[in-house]
PDB file of N, CA and C in Angstrom:
ATOM      1  N   MET A   1       0.831  -1.190   0.000  1.00  0.00           N
ATOM      2  CA  MET A   1       0.000   0.000   0.000  1.00  0.00           C
ATOM      3  C   MET A   1       0.867   1.242   0.000  1.00  0.00           C
ATOM      4  N   ASN A   2       0.403   2.279  -0.616  1.00  0.00           N
ATOM      5  CA  ASN A   2       1.107   3.547  -0.641  1.00  0.00           C
ATOM      6  C   ASN A   2       0.334   4.549   0.202  1.00  0.00           C
ATOM      7  N   TRP A   3       0.973   4.988   1.246  1.00  0.00           N
ATOM      8  CA  TRP A   3       0.335   5.929   2.154  1.00  0.00           C
ATOM      9  C   TRP A   3       1.059   7.250   2.102  1.00  0.00           C
ATOM     10  N   TYR A   4       0.336   8.305   2.247  1.00  0.00           N
ATOM     11  CA  TYR A   4       0.941   9.621   2.322  1.00  0.00           C
ATOM     12  C   TYR A   4       0.285  10.387   3.451  1.00  0.00           C
ATOM     13  N   LYS A   5       1.090  11.055   4.238  1.00  0.00           N
ATOM     14  CA  LYS A   5       0.563  11.849   5.342  1.00  0.00           C
ATOM     15  C   LYS A   5       0.083  13.182   4.791  1.00  0.00           C
ATOM     16  N   LYS A   6      -1.172  13.427   4.907  1.00  0.00           N
ATOM     17  CA  LYS A   6      -1.789  14.636   4.349  1.00  0.00           C
ATOM     18  C   LYS A   6      -2.264  15.518   5.495  1.00  0.00           C
ATOM     19  N   ALA A   7      -1.932  16.783   5.429  1.00  0.00           N
ATOM     20  CA  ALA A   7      -2.355  17.702   6.474  1.00  0.00           C
ATOM     21  C   ALA A   7      -3.846  17.996   6.336  1.00  0.00           C
ATOM     22  N   ASN A   8      -4.548  17.923   7.431  1.00  0.00           N
ATOM     23  CA  ASN A   8      -5.974  18.240   7.474  1.00  0.00           C
ATOM     24  C   ASN A   8      -6.155  19.176   8.668  1.00  0.00           C
ATOM     25  N   GLY A   9      -6.003  20.461   8.405  1.00  0.00           N
ATOM     26  CA  GLY A   9      -5.988  21.400   9.522  1.00  0.00           C
ATOM     27  C   GLY A   9      -4.721  21.137  10.321  1.00  0.00           C
ATOM     28  N   ASP A  10      -4.859  20.953  11.621  1.00  0.00           N
ATOM     29  CA  ASP A  10      -3.706  20.648  12.463  1.00  0.00           C
ATOM     30  C   ASP A  10      -3.480  19.148  12.606  1.00  0.00           C
ATOM     31  N   ASN A  11      -4.409  18.351  12.107  1.00  0.00           N
ATOM     32  CA  ASN A  11      -4.314  16.907  12.290  1.00  0.00           C
ATOM     33  C   ASN A  11      -3.912  16.204  11.002  1.00  0.00           C
ATOM     34  N   PRO A  12      -2.717  15.587  10.985  1.00  0.00           N
ATOM     35  CA  PRO A  12      -2.344  14.834   9.787  1.00  0.00           C
ATOM     36  C   PRO A  12      -3.201  13.579   9.665  1.00  0.00           C
ATOM     37  N   ILE A  13      -3.564  13.249   8.442  1.00  0.00           N
ATOM     38  CA  ILE A  13      -4.303  12.014   8.203  1.00  0.00           C
ATOM     39  C   ILE A  13      -3.559  11.220   7.145  1.00  0.00           C
ATOM     40  N   LEU A  14      -3.767   9.933   7.133  1.00  0.00           N
ATOM     41  CA  LEU A  14      -3.142   9.089   6.128  1.00  0.00           C
ATOM     42  C   LEU A  14      -4.142   8.812   5.023  1.00  0.00           C
ATOM     43  N   VAL A  15      -3.687   8.939   3.797  1.00  0.00           N
ATOM     44  CA  VAL A  15      -4.538   8.698   2.639  1.00  0.00           C
ATOM     45  C   VAL A  15      -3.943   7.531   1.874  1.00  0.00           C
ATOM     46  N   ASP A  16      -4.750   6.535   1.558  1.00  0.00           N
ATOM     47  CA  ASP A  16      -4.299   5.385   0.792  1.00  0.00           C
ATOM     48  C   ASP A  16      -4.741   5.560  -0.648  1.00  0.00           C
ATOM     49  N   TRP A  17      -3.775   5.775  -1.574  1.00  0.00           N
ATOM     50  CA  TRP A  17      -4.105   5.940  -2.979  1.00  0.00           C
ATOM     51  C   TRP A  17      -3.937   4.661  -3.761  1.00  0.00           C
ATOM     52  N   SER A  18      -3.676   3.557  -3.075  1.00  0.00           N
ATOM     53  CA  SER A  18      -3.500   2.304  -3.792  1.00  0.00           C
ATOM     54  C   SER A  18      -4.844   1.676  -4.157  1.00  0.00           C
ATOM     55  N   GLU A  19      -5.920   2.219  -3.652  1.00  0.00           N
ATOM     56  CA  GLU A  19      -7.248   1.675  -3.916  1.00  0.00           C
ATOM     57  C   GLU A  19      -7.905   2.295  -5.134  1.00  0.00           C
ATOM     58  N   GLY A  20      -7.131   2.976  -5.965  1.00  0.00           N
ATOM     59  CA  GLY A  20      -7.674   3.499  -7.208  1.00  0.00           C
ATOM     60  C   GLY A  20      -8.016   4.976  -7.188  1.00  0.00           C
ATOM     61  N   THR A  21      -7.944   5.611  -6.026  1.00  0.00           N
ATOM     62  CA  THR A  21      -8.193   7.044  -6.002  1.00  0.00           C
ATOM     63  C   THR A  21      -6.877   7.763  -6.214  1.00  0.00           C
ATOM     64  N   ALA A  22      -6.905   8.817  -6.951  1.00  0.00           N
ATOM     65  CA  ALA A  22      -5.690   9.578  -7.232  1.00  0.00           C
ATOM     66  C   ALA A  22      -5.815  10.963  -6.626  1.00  0.00           C
ATOM     67  N   PRO A  23      -4.695  11.567  -6.265  1.00  0.00           N
ATOM     68  CA  PRO A  23      -4.763  12.918  -5.709  1.00  0.00           C
ATOM     69  C   PRO A  23      -5.156  13.930  -6.780  1.00  0.00           C
ATOM     70  N   SER A  24      -5.866  14.940  -6.362  1.00  0.00           N
ATOM     71  CA  SER A  24      -6.220  16.032  -7.271  1.00  0.00           C
ATOM     72  C   SER A  24      -4.963  16.866  -7.546  1.00  0.00           C
ATOM     73  N   PRO A  25      -4.980  17.702  -8.598  1.00  0.00           N
ATOM     74  CA  PRO A  25      -3.824  18.581  -8.832  1.00  0.00           C
ATOM     75  C   PRO A  25      -3.478  19.436  -7.616  1.00  0.00           C
ATOM     76  N   LYS A  26      -4.489  19.894  -6.877  1.00  0.00           N
ATOM     77  CA  LYS A  26      -4.214  20.689  -5.683  1.00  0.00           C
ATOM     78  C   LYS A  26      -3.506  19.852  -4.621  1.00  0.00           C
ATOM     79  N   GLU A  27      -3.938  18.601  -4.453  1.00  0.00           N
ATOM     80  CA  GLU A  27      -3.270  17.717  -3.502  1.00  0.00           C
ATOM     81  C   GLU A  27      -1.841  17.423  -3.945  1.00  0.00           C
ATOM     82  N   VAL A  28      -1.638  17.234  -5.251  1.00  0.00           N
ATOM     83  CA  VAL A  28      -0.284  17.006  -5.770  1.00  0.00           C
ATOM     84  C   VAL A  28       0.600  18.202  -5.437  1.00  0.00           C
ATOM     85  N   THR A  29       0.097  19.403  -5.663  1.00  0.00           N
ATOM     86  CA  THR A  29       0.862  20.613  -5.358  1.00  0.00           C
ATOM     87  C   THR A  29       1.234  20.652  -3.885  1.00  0.00           C
ATOM     88  N   ASN A  30       0.301  20.303  -3.009  1.00  0.00           N
ATOM     89  CA  ASN A  30       0.579  20.280  -1.575  1.00  0.00           C
ATOM     90  C   ASN A  30       1.633  19.237  -1.225  1.00  0.00           C
ATOM     91  N   ILE A  31       1.550  18.073  -1.837  1.00  0.00           N
ATOM     92  CA  ILE A  31       2.523  17.010  -1.583  1.00  0.00           C
ATOM     93  C   ILE A  31       3.910  17.448  -2.062  1.00  0.00           C
ATOM     94  N   LEU A  32       3.964  18.012  -3.268  1.00  0.00           N
ATOM     95  CA  LEU A  32       5.249  18.478  -3.791  1.00  0.00           C
ATOM     96  C   LEU A  32       5.851  19.542  -2.877  1.00  0.00           C
ATOM     97  N   GLY A  33       5.014  20.438  -2.385  1.00  0.00           N
ATOM     98  CA  GLY A  33       5.494  21.459  -1.455  1.00  0.00           C
ATOM     99  C   GLY A  33       6.058  20.839  -0.183  1.00  0.00           C
ATOM    100  N   GLY A  34       5.407  19.792   0.306  1.00  0.00           N
ATOM    101  CA  GLY A  34       5.895  19.088   1.494  1.00  0.00           C
ATOM    102  C   GLY A  34       7.233  18.407   1.242  1.00  0.00           C
ATOM    103  N   VAL A  35       7.355  17.764   0.087  1.00  0.00           N
ATOM    104  CA  VAL A  35       8.625  17.123  -0.266  1.00  0.00           C
ATOM    105  C   VAL A  35       9.708  18.190  -0.400  1.00  0.00           C
ATOM    106  N   LEU A  36       9.375  19.295  -1.029  1.00  0.00           N
ATOM    107  CA  LEU A  36      10.330  20.391  -1.202  1.00  0.00           C
ATOM    108  C   LEU A  36      10.842  20.878   0.151  1.00  0.00           C
ATOM    109  N   GLN A  37       9.946  21.038   1.114  1.00  0.00           N
ATOM    110  CA  GLN A  37      10.343  21.508   2.442  1.00  0.00           C
ATOM    111  C   GLN A  37      11.301  20.535   3.114  1.00  0.00           C
ATOM    112  N   THR A  38      11.095  19.237   2.921  1.00  0.00           N
ATOM    113  CA  THR A  38      11.967  18.256   3.577  1.00  0.00           C
ATOM    114  C   THR A  38      13.381  18.282   3.022  1.00  0.00           C
ATOM    115  N   THR A  39      13.568  18.796   1.816  1.00  0.00           N
ATOM    116  CA  THR A  39      14.902  18.806   1.224  1.00  0.00           C
ATOM    117  C   THR A  39      15.790  19.898   1.807  1.00  0.00           C
ATOM    118  N   GLY A  40      15.175  20.985   2.271  1.00  0.00           N
ATOM    119  CA  GLY A  40      15.953  22.109   2.762  1.00  0.00           C
ATOM    120  C   GLY A  40      16.617  22.906   1.653  1.00  0.00           C
ATOM    121  N   CYS A  41      16.255  22.618   0.401  1.00  0.00           N
ATOM    122  CA  CYS A  41      16.835  23.311  -0.762  1.00  0.00           C
ATOM    123  C   CYS A  41      15.800  24.223  -1.392  1.00  0.00           C
ATOM    124  N   SER A  42      16.280  25.187  -2.144  1.00  0.00           N
ATOM    125  CA  SER A  42      15.371  26.023  -2.918  1.00  0.00           C
ATOM    126  C   SER A  42      14.947  25.248  -4.167  1.00  0.00           C
ATOM    127  N   PRO A  43      13.825  25.613  -4.773  1.00  0.00           N
ATOM    128  CA  PRO A  43      13.416  24.960  -6.028  1.00  0.00           C
ATOM    129  C   PRO A  43      14.507  25.047  -7.103  1.00  0.00           C
ATOM    130  N   GLN A  44      15.202  26.174  -7.160  1.00  0.00           N
ATOM    131  CA  GLN A  44      16.255  26.349  -8.156  1.00  0.00           C
ATOM    132  C   GLN A  44      17.424  25.399  -7.890  1.00  0.00           C
ATOM    133  N   ASP A  45      17.773  25.215  -6.608  1.00  0.00           N
ATOM    134  CA  ASP A  45      18.851  24.281  -6.270  1.00  0.00           C
ATOM    135  C   ASP A  45      18.474  22.849  -6.643  1.00  0.00           C
ATOM    136  N   ILE A  46      17.223  22.489  -6.413  1.00  0.00           N
ATOM    137  CA  ILE A  46      16.781  21.144  -6.778  1.00  0.00           C
ATOM    138  C   ILE A  46      16.876  20.961  -8.284  1.00  0.00           C
ATOM    139  N   ASN A  47      16.407  21.945  -9.030  1.00  0.00           N
ATOM    140  CA  ASN A  47      16.432  21.833 -10.491  1.00  0.00           C
ATOM    141  C   ASN A  47      17.827  22.026 -11.074  1.00  0.00           C
ATOM    142  N   ASN A  48      18.796  22.337 -10.231  1.00  0.00           N
ATOM    143  CA  ASN A  48      20.169  22.520 -10.689  1.00  0.00           C
ATOM    144  C   ASN A  48      21.069  21.451 -10.069  1.00  0.00           C
ATOM    145  N   GLY A  49      20.656  20.181 -10.228  1.00  0.00           N
ATOM    146  CA  GLY A  49      21.524  19.104  -9.774  1.00  0.00           C
ATOM    147  C   GLY A  49      20.905  18.116  -8.807  1.00  0.00           C
ATOM    148  N   ASN A  50      19.751  18.424  -8.253  1.00  0.00           N
ATOM    149  CA  ASN A  50      19.125  17.519  -7.293  1.00  0.00           C
ATOM    150  C   ASN A  50      17.748  17.040  -7.740  1.00  0.00           C
ATOM    151  N   CYS A  51      17.426  17.206  -9.025  1.00  0.00           N
ATOM    152  CA  CYS A  51      16.091  16.849  -9.498  1.00  0.00           C
ATOM    153  C   CYS A  51      15.849  15.340  -9.432  1.00  0.00           C
ATOM    154  N   ASP A  52      16.912  14.534  -9.514  1.00  0.00           N
ATOM    155  CA  ASP A  52      16.736  13.077  -9.454  1.00  0.00           C
ATOM    156  C   ASP A  52      16.239  12.638  -8.081  1.00  0.00           C
ATOM    157  N   SER A  53      16.838  13.175  -7.033  1.00  0.00           N
ATOM    158  CA  SER A  53      16.426  12.834  -5.673  1.00  0.00           C
ATOM    159  C   SER A  53      15.001  13.311  -5.392  1.00  0.00           C
ATOM    160  N   PHE A  54      14.692  14.532  -5.813  1.00  0.00           N
ATOM    161  CA  PHE A  54      13.347  15.088  -5.638  1.00  0.00           C
ATOM    162  C   PHE A  54      12.316  14.221  -6.360  1.00  0.00           C
ATOM    163  N   ALA A  55      12.612  13.850  -7.596  1.00  0.00           N
ATOM    164  CA  ALA A  55      11.684  13.036  -8.389  1.00  0.00           C
ATOM    165  C   ALA A  55      11.429  11.690  -7.721  1.00  0.00           C
ATOM    166  N   GLU A  56      12.462  11.065  -7.207  1.00  0.00           N
ATOM    167  CA  GLU A  56      12.306   9.768  -6.533  1.00  0.00           C
ATOM    168  C   GLU A  56      11.468   9.898  -5.263  1.00  0.00           C
ATOM    169  N   GLN A  57      11.686  10.968  -4.503  1.00  0.00           N
ATOM    170  CA  GLN A  57      10.898  11.184  -3.287  1.00  0.00           C
ATOM    171  C   GLN A  57       9.422  11.348  -3.613  1.00  0.00           C
ATOM    172  N   VAL A  58       9.138  12.099  -4.661  1.00  0.00           N
ATOM    173  CA  VAL A  58       7.743  12.300  -5.055  1.00  0.00           C
ATOM    174  C   VAL A  58       7.152  10.987  -5.553  1.00  0.00           C
ATOM    175  N   LYS A  59       7.896  10.253  -6.362  1.00  0.00           N
ATOM    176  CA  LYS A  59       7.395   8.973  -6.883  1.00  0.00           C
ATOM    177  C   LYS A  59       7.055   8.020  -5.744  1.00  0.00           C
ATOM    178  N   ASN A  60       7.851   8.045  -4.696  1.00  0.00           N
ATOM    179  CA  ASN A  60       7.583   7.187  -3.539  1.00  0.00           C
ATOM    180  C   ASN A  60       6.371   7.658  -2.741  1.00  0.00           C
ATOM    181  N   SER A  61       5.970   8.902  -2.905  1.00  0.00           N
ATOM    182  CA  SER A  61       4.834   9.462  -2.173  1.00  0.00           C
ATOM    183  C   SER A  61       3.521   9.366  -2.935  1.00  0.00           C
ATOM    184  N   ILE A  62       3.594   9.371  -4.269  1.00  0.00           N
ATOM    185  CA  ILE A  62       2.380   9.403  -5.081  1.00  0.00           C
ATOM    186  C   ILE A  62       2.415   8.259  -6.092  1.00  0.00           C
ATOM    187  N   PRO A  63       1.598   7.237  -5.882  1.00  0.00           N
ATOM    188  CA  PRO A  63       1.545   6.150  -6.855  1.00  0.00           C
ATOM    189  C   PRO A  63       1.106   6.659  -8.223  1.00  0.00           C
ATOM    190  N   GLY A  64       1.629   6.049  -9.259  1.00  0.00           N
ATOM    191  CA  GLY A  64       1.257   6.443 -10.609  1.00  0.00           C
ATOM    192  C   GLY A  64       2.059   7.606 -11.144  1.00  0.00           C
ATOM    193  N   THR A  65       3.095   8.020 -10.407  1.00  0.00           N
ATOM    194  CA  THR A  65       3.971   9.096 -10.856  1.00  0.00           C
ATOM    195  C   THR A  65       4.958   8.537 -11.867  1.00  0.00           C
ATOM    196  N   TYR A  66       5.098   9.230 -12.977  1.00  0.00           N
ATOM    197  CA  TYR A  66       6.088   8.862 -13.986  1.00  0.00           C
ATOM    198  C   TYR A  66       7.219   9.869 -13.952  1.00  0.00           C
ATOM    199  N   ILE A  67       8.450   9.377 -14.037  1.00  0.00           N
ATOM    200  CA  ILE A  67       9.620  10.249 -14.092  1.00  0.00           C
ATOM    201  C   ILE A  67      10.125  10.259 -15.525  1.00  0.00           C
ATOM    202  N   TYR A  68      10.312  11.453 -16.063  1.00  0.00           N
ATOM    203  CA  TYR A  68      10.845  11.635 -17.411  1.00  0.00           C
ATOM    204  C   TYR A  68      12.192  12.336 -17.314  1.00  0.00           C
ATOM    205  N   GLU A  69      13.065  12.067 -18.280  1.00  0.00           N
ATOM    206  CA  GLU A  69      14.362  12.725 -18.322  1.00  0.00           C
ATOM    207  C   GLU A  69      14.595  13.298 -19.707  1.00  0.00           C
ATOM    208  N   THR A  70      15.010  14.544 -19.736  1.00  0.00           N
ATOM    209  CA  THR A  70      15.406  15.152 -20.999  1.00  0.00           C
ATOM    210  C   THR A  70      16.911  14.995 -21.135  1.00  0.00           C
ATOM    211  N   ASP A  71      17.358  14.824 -22.328  1.00  0.00           N
ATOM    212  CA  ASP A  71      18.785  14.717 -22.599  1.00  0.00           C
ATOM    213  C   ASP A  71      19.036  15.393 -23.922  1.00  0.00           C
ATOM    214  N   PHE A  72      19.435  16.628 -23.855  1.00  0.00           N
ATOM    215  CA  PHE A  72      19.604  17.420 -25.053  1.00  0.00           C
ATOM    216  C   PHE A  72      21.069  17.483 -25.445  1.00  0.00           C
ATOM    217  N   SER A  73      21.318  17.477 -26.705  1.00  0.00           N
ATOM    218  CA  SER A  73      22.687  17.589 -27.196  1.00  0.00           C
ATOM    219  C   SER A  73      23.055  19.046 -27.479  1.00  0.00           C
ATOM    220  N   PHE A  74      22.182  19.961 -27.101  1.00  0.00           N
ATOM    221  CA  PHE A  74      22.492  21.379 -27.274  1.00  0.00           C
ATOM    222  C   PHE A  74      22.420  22.060 -25.915  1.00  0.00           C
ATOM    223  N   ASP A  75      22.382  23.339 -25.859  1.00  0.00           N
ATOM    224  CA  ASP A  75      22.612  24.093 -24.625  1.00  0.00           C
ATOM    225  C   ASP A  75      21.425  24.178 -23.676  1.00  0.00           C
ATOM    226  N   LEU A  76      20.743  23.096 -23.471  1.00  0.00           N
ATOM    227  CA  LEU A  76      19.685  23.046 -22.463  1.00  0.00           C
ATOM    228  C   LEU A  76      20.060  21.979 -21.448  1.00  0.00           C
ATOM    229  N   PRO A  77      19.660  22.166 -20.209  1.00  0.00           N
ATOM    230  CA  PRO A  77      20.071  21.219 -19.175  1.00  0.00           C
ATOM    231  C   PRO A  77      19.343  19.874 -19.285  1.00  0.00           C
ATOM    232  N   THR A  78      20.066  18.801 -18.941  1.00  0.00           N
ATOM    233  CA  THR A  78      19.410  17.516 -18.732  1.00  0.00           C
ATOM    234  C   THR A  78      18.600  17.664 -17.451  1.00  0.00           C
ATOM    235  N   HIS A  79      17.392  17.148 -17.451  1.00  0.00           N
ATOM    236  CA  HIS A  79      16.502  17.413 -16.321  1.00  0.00           C
ATOM    237  C   HIS A  79      15.533  16.253 -16.137  1.00  0.00           C
ATOM    238  N   LEU A  80      15.260  15.901 -14.882  1.00  0.00           N
ATOM    239  CA  LEU A  80      14.219  14.940 -14.547  1.00  0.00           C
ATOM    240  C   LEU A  80      12.995  15.715 -14.082  1.00  0.00           C
ATOM    241  N   PHE A  81      11.842  15.315 -14.598  1.00  0.00           N
ATOM    242  CA  PHE A  81      10.594  15.944 -14.175  1.00  0.00           C
ATOM    243  C   PHE A  81       9.534  14.864 -14.075  1.00  0.00           C
ATOM    244  N   LEU A  82       8.372  15.226 -13.580  1.00  0.00           N
ATOM    245  CA  LEU A  82       7.326  14.269 -13.231  1.00  0.00           C
ATOM    246  C   LEU A  82       6.079  14.463 -14.072  1.00  0.00           C
ATOM    247  N   LYS A  83       5.395  13.362 -14.317  1.00  0.00           N
ATOM    248  CA  LYS A  83       4.046  13.438 -14.878  1.00  0.00           C
ATOM    249  C   LYS A  83       3.123  12.725 -13.910  1.00  0.00           C
ATOM    250  N   ILE A  84       2.142  13.464 -13.441  1.00  0.00           N
ATOM    251  CA  ILE A  84       1.154  12.928 -12.510  1.00  0.00           C
ATOM    252  C   ILE A  84      -0.199  13.306 -13.081  1.00  0.00           C
ATOM    253  N   GLY A  85      -0.976  12.313 -13.439  1.00  0.00           N
ATOM    254  CA  GLY A  85      -2.225  12.589 -14.134  1.00  0.00           C
ATOM    255  C   GLY A  85      -1.915  13.177 -15.487  1.00  0.00           C
ATOM    256  N   ASN A  86      -2.532  14.300 -15.800  1.00  0.00           N
ATOM    257  CA  ASN A  86      -2.318  14.953 -17.097  1.00  0.00           C
ATOM    258  C   ASN A  86      -1.369  16.142 -17.030  1.00  0.00           C
ATOM    259  N   LEU A  87      -0.700  16.331 -15.884  1.00  0.00           N
ATOM    260  CA  LEU A  87       0.159  17.502 -15.724  1.00  0.00           C
ATOM    261  C   LEU A  87       1.609  17.099 -15.477  1.00  0.00           C
ATOM    262  N   TYR A  88       2.505  18.017 -15.813  1.00  0.00           N
ATOM    263  CA  TYR A  88       3.936  17.835 -15.601  1.00  0.00           C
ATOM    264  C   TYR A  88       4.388  18.760 -14.479  1.00  0.00           C
ATOM    265  N   TYR A  89       5.310  18.259 -13.647  1.00  0.00           N
ATOM    266  CA  TYR A  89       5.747  18.989 -12.464  1.00  0.00           C
ATOM    267  C   TYR A  89       7.258  18.885 -12.304  1.00  0.00           C
ATOM    268  N   ASP A  90       7.828  19.875 -11.638  1.00  0.00           N
ATOM    269  CA  ASP A  90       9.164  19.786 -11.082  1.00  0.00           C
ATOM    270  C   ASP A  90       9.210  20.746  -9.901  1.00  0.00           C
ATOM    271  N   ALA A  91      10.378  20.925  -9.319  1.00  0.00           N
ATOM    272  CA  ALA A  91      10.478  21.728  -8.097  1.00  0.00           C
ATOM    273  C   ALA A  91      10.100  23.190  -8.306  1.00  0.00           C
ATOM    274  N   GLU A  92      10.246  23.697  -9.521  1.00  0.00           N
ATOM    275  CA  GLU A  92       9.891  25.085  -9.802  1.00  0.00           C
ATOM    276  C   GLU A  92       8.495  25.230 -10.396  1.00  0.00           C
ATOM    277  N   SER A  93       7.849  24.130 -10.673  1.00  0.00           N
ATOM    278  CA  SER A  93       6.505  24.154 -11.270  1.00  0.00           C
ATOM    279  C   SER A  93       5.571  23.278 -10.441  1.00  0.00           C
ATOM    280  N   LEU A  94       5.382  23.665  -9.190  1.00  0.00           N
ATOM    281  CA  LEU A  94       4.581  22.861  -8.264  1.00  0.00           C
ATOM    282  C   LEU A  94       3.108  22.833  -8.626  1.00  0.00           C
ATOM    283  N   GLY A  95       2.652  23.809  -9.409  1.00  0.00           N
ATOM    284  CA  GLY A  95       1.253  23.855  -9.813  1.00  0.00           C
ATOM    285  C   GLY A  95       0.951  22.991 -11.028  1.00  0.00           C
ATOM    286  N   GLY A  96       1.990  22.478 -11.656  1.00  0.00           N
ATOM    287  CA  GLY A  96       1.802  21.641 -12.840  1.00  0.00           C
ATOM    288  C   GLY A  96       1.574  22.449 -14.097  1.00  0.00           C
ATOM    289  N   VAL A  97       2.013  21.903 -15.215  1.00  0.00           N
ATOM    290  CA  VAL A  97       1.809  22.519 -16.532  1.00  0.00           C
ATOM    291  C   VAL A  97       1.319  21.435 -17.488  1.00  0.00           C
ATOM    292  N   THR A  98       0.625  21.845 -18.533  1.00  0.00           N
ATOM    293  CA  THR A  98       0.035  20.873 -19.451  1.00  0.00           C
ATOM    294  C   THR A  98       1.024  20.332 -20.478  1.00  0.00           C
ATOM    295  N   ASP A  99       2.156  21.001 -20.650  1.00  0.00           N
ATOM    296  CA  ASP A  99       3.180  20.572 -21.600  1.00  0.00           C
ATOM    297  C   ASP A  99       4.532  20.701 -20.906  1.00  0.00           C
ATOM    298  N   TRP A 100       5.344  19.641 -20.924  1.00  0.00           N
ATOM    299  CA  TRP A 100       6.613  19.677 -20.203  1.00  0.00           C
ATOM    300  C   TRP A 100       7.525  20.800 -20.686  1.00  0.00           C
ATOM    301  N   LYS A 101       7.359  21.242 -21.909  1.00  0.00           N
ATOM    302  CA  LYS A 101       8.191  22.325 -22.435  1.00  0.00           C
ATOM    303  C   LYS A 101       7.882  23.657 -21.749  1.00  0.00           C
ATOM    304  N   MET A 102       6.778  23.705 -20.988  1.00  0.00           N
ATOM    305  CA  MET A 102       6.396  24.925 -20.271  1.00  0.00           C
ATOM    306  C   MET A 102       6.974  24.965 -18.846  1.00  0.00           C
ATOM    307  N   LEU A 103       7.714  23.942 -18.443  1.00  0.00           N
ATOM    308  CA  LEU A 103       8.326  23.951 -17.121  1.00  0.00           C
ATOM    309  C   LEU A 103       9.240  25.176 -16.998  1.00  0.00           C
ATOM    310  N   ASN A 104       9.251  25.780 -15.825  1.00  0.00           N
ATOM    311  CA  ASN A 104      10.019  27.012 -15.620  1.00  0.00           C
ATOM    312  C   ASN A 104      11.493  26.874 -15.979  1.00  0.00           C
ATOM    313  N   ILE A 105      12.055  25.701 -15.784  1.00  0.00           N
ATOM    314  CA  ILE A 105      13.488  25.517 -16.037  1.00  0.00           C
ATOM    315  C   ILE A 105      13.862  25.814 -17.481  1.00  0.00           C
ATOM    316  N   TYR A 106      12.912  25.664 -18.398  1.00  0.00           N
ATOM    317  CA  TYR A 106      13.219  25.878 -19.809  1.00  0.00           C
ATOM    318  C   TYR A 106      12.958  27.312 -20.278  1.00  0.00           C
ATOM    319  N   ASN A 107      12.276  28.111 -19.474  1.00  0.00           N
ATOM    320  CA  ASN A 107      12.083  29.539 -19.767  1.00  0.00           C
ATOM    321  C   ASN A 107      11.788  29.831 -21.225  1.00  0.00           C
ATOM    322  N   GLY A 108      10.924  29.066 -21.842  1.00  0.00           N
ATOM    323  CA  GLY A 108      10.531  29.325 -23.221  1.00  0.00           C
ATOM    324  C   GLY A 108      11.631  29.052 -24.237  1.00  0.00           C
ATOM    325  N   GLN A 109      12.649  28.281 -23.862  1.00  0.00           N
ATOM    326  CA  GLN A 109      13.754  27.988 -24.767  1.00  0.00           C
ATOM    327  C   GLN A 109      13.412  26.910 -25.797  1.00  0.00           C
ATOM    328  N   LEU A 110      12.296  26.229 -25.593  1.00  0.00           N
ATOM    329  CA  LEU A 110      11.918  25.155 -26.507  1.00  0.00           C
ATOM    330  C   LEU A 110      10.796  25.581 -27.416  1.00  0.00           C
TER     331      LEU A 110
END
C-alpha cells in the first residue's frame, strides 16, 4: 500500500491511494510542497543538480507518478521531471503545466 501523510488542519491524516483514487492537482501541489520543504533546498537548487532525488521522493509518495528525463545535445540542461495525471511537475513548477516544455526551467527555450 502507498500511504501519504496529508495535512488536514492541524491533524495529519493518512490517505491510501492504492485503492484506485488519485490525488487532485491541488493535492499534488501540496505534496510536492511538502517534499520540497523536507529537502531544505530552494526549487532552483533542486532543479540545478538535485532533481533526481526530488523526483524519486515524489514517486515514492504518489503512486502512478512517472519520471521523465530530458537529454539534449544542445545548450539546455538535462533534467528529470514528473508526470502525474495529465500535468507535468518539477520543483519550480509545483502547480503543474500541461506541456513539459512549459516547465520554468526551460524559460521558453523550446
